Amino acid sequence: MPTNFPPPVNVSPLIKTFRWGLLLAGIAYGSAWQARYTSKELSLKEVRLKEKAIRDKKLAEEKARAAAAEIAEIERQVAGGK
């Protein structure tokens, strides 16, 4: 099944230049936005890490209180059963 394709069309140098210019402009635009988002995300990351440390500390304290209350309840049940 050989197919005969027509010869390729010559593209105008003006069109080629326009395409390459748009490609490079798109890359520059994307790079600029990436830099903005990266710096913004890094500053938010610091805030999140500080909040996480506070939240983890509170959770550990609540867990310790719950464990102490559970142990006290078990001791009360064991002492009441004898």
Protein backbone atom coordinates (compact mmCIF):
# COMPACT_ATOMS: atom_id res chain seq x y z
CA MET A 1 0.00 0.00 0.00
CA PRO A 2 2.40 2.72 -1.04
CA THR A 3 1.01 6.19 -0.64
CA ASN A 4 2.28 9.16 -2.53
CA PHE A 5 2.36 12.24 -0.36
CA PRO A 6 2.65 15.65 -1.95
CA PRO A 7 5.96 17.43 -1.44
CA PRO A 8 6.20 19.56 1.69
CA VAL A 9 5.19 23.19 1.44
CA ASN A 10 7.88 25.81 1.99
CA VAL A 11 7.01 27.97 4.99
CA SER A 12 7.70 31.68 4.82
CA PRO A 13 10.71 32.86 6.84
CA LEU A 14 8.46 35.52 8.37
CA ILE A 15 6.11 32.82 9.69
CA LYS A 16 9.03 30.77 11.00
CA THR A 17 10.42 33.82 12.81
CA PHE A 18 6.99 34.61 14.27
CA ARG A 19 6.58 31.03 15.51
CA TRP A 20 10.01 30.96 17.13
CA GLY A 21 9.42 34.38 18.66
CA LEU A 22 6.14 33.22 20.20
CA LEU A 23 7.78 30.06 21.48
CA LEU A 24 10.56 32.02 23.18
CA ALA A 25 8.07 34.57 24.56
CA GLY A 26 6.00 31.72 26.01
CA ILE A 27 9.05 30.19 27.64
CA ALA A 28 10.03 33.56 29.15
CA TYR A 29 6.47 34.16 30.37
CA GLY A 30 6.28 30.71 31.95
CA SER A 31 9.66 31.15 33.58
CA ALA A 32 8.63 34.48 35.11
CA TRP A 33 5.40 33.06 36.54
CA GLN A 34 7.22 29.98 37.82
CA ALA A 35 9.66 32.22 39.71
CA ARG A 36 6.76 34.18 41.25
CA TYR A 37 4.90 31.07 42.32
CA THR A 38 8.04 29.45 43.69
CA SER A 39 8.88 32.40 45.93
CA LYS A 40 5.26 32.69 47.10
CA GLU A 41 5.08 28.96 47.83
CA LEU A 42 8.34 29.02 49.78
CA SER A 43 7.04 31.79 52.04
CA LEU A 44 3.78 29.89 52.58
CA LYS A 45 5.74 26.72 53.29
CA GLU A 46 7.53 28.42 56.19
CA VAL A 47 4.20 29.51 57.67
CA ARG A 48 2.76 26.01 57.27
CA LEU A 49 5.78 24.46 58.99
CA LYS A 50 5.39 26.80 61.97
CA GLU A 51 1.67 26.02 62.18
CA LYS A 52 2.40 22.29 61.90
CA ALA A 53 4.83 22.44 64.81
CA ILE A 54 2.21 24.16 66.98
CA ARG A 55 -0.50 21.72 65.89
CA ASP A 56 1.73 18.70 66.51
CA LYS A 57 2.57 19.98 69.99
CA LYS A 58 -1.13 20.40 70.83
CA LEU A 59 -1.96 16.94 69.47
CA ALA A 60 0.84 15.37 71.53
CA GLU A 61 -0.46 17.09 74.68
CA GLU A 62 -4.02 15.93 73.98
CA LYS A 63 -2.79 12.41 73.32
CA ALA A 64 -0.82 12.39 76.59
CA ARG A 65 -3.87 13.67 78.51
CA ALA A 66 -6.09 11.03 76.90
CA ALA A 67 -3.60 8.30 77.71
CA ALA A 68 -3.34 9.46 81.35
CA ALA A 69 -7.14 9.58 81.62
CA GLU A 70 -7.39 6.09 80.15
CA ILE A 71 -4.81 4.73 82.58
CA ALA A 72 -6.62 6.37 85.48
CA GLU A 73 -9.93 4.87 84.32
CA ILE A 74 -8.38 1.41 84.03
CA GLU A 75 -6.84 1.72 87.51
CA ARG A 76 -10.20 2.83 88.89
CA GLN A 77 -11.94 -0.14 87.28
CA VAL A 78 -9.32 -2.57 88.53
CA ALA A 79 -9.39 -1.12 92.05
CA GLY A 80 -13.19 -1.10 92.09
CA GLY A 81 -13.38 -4.71 90.96
CA LYS A 82 -11.34 -6.04 93.90
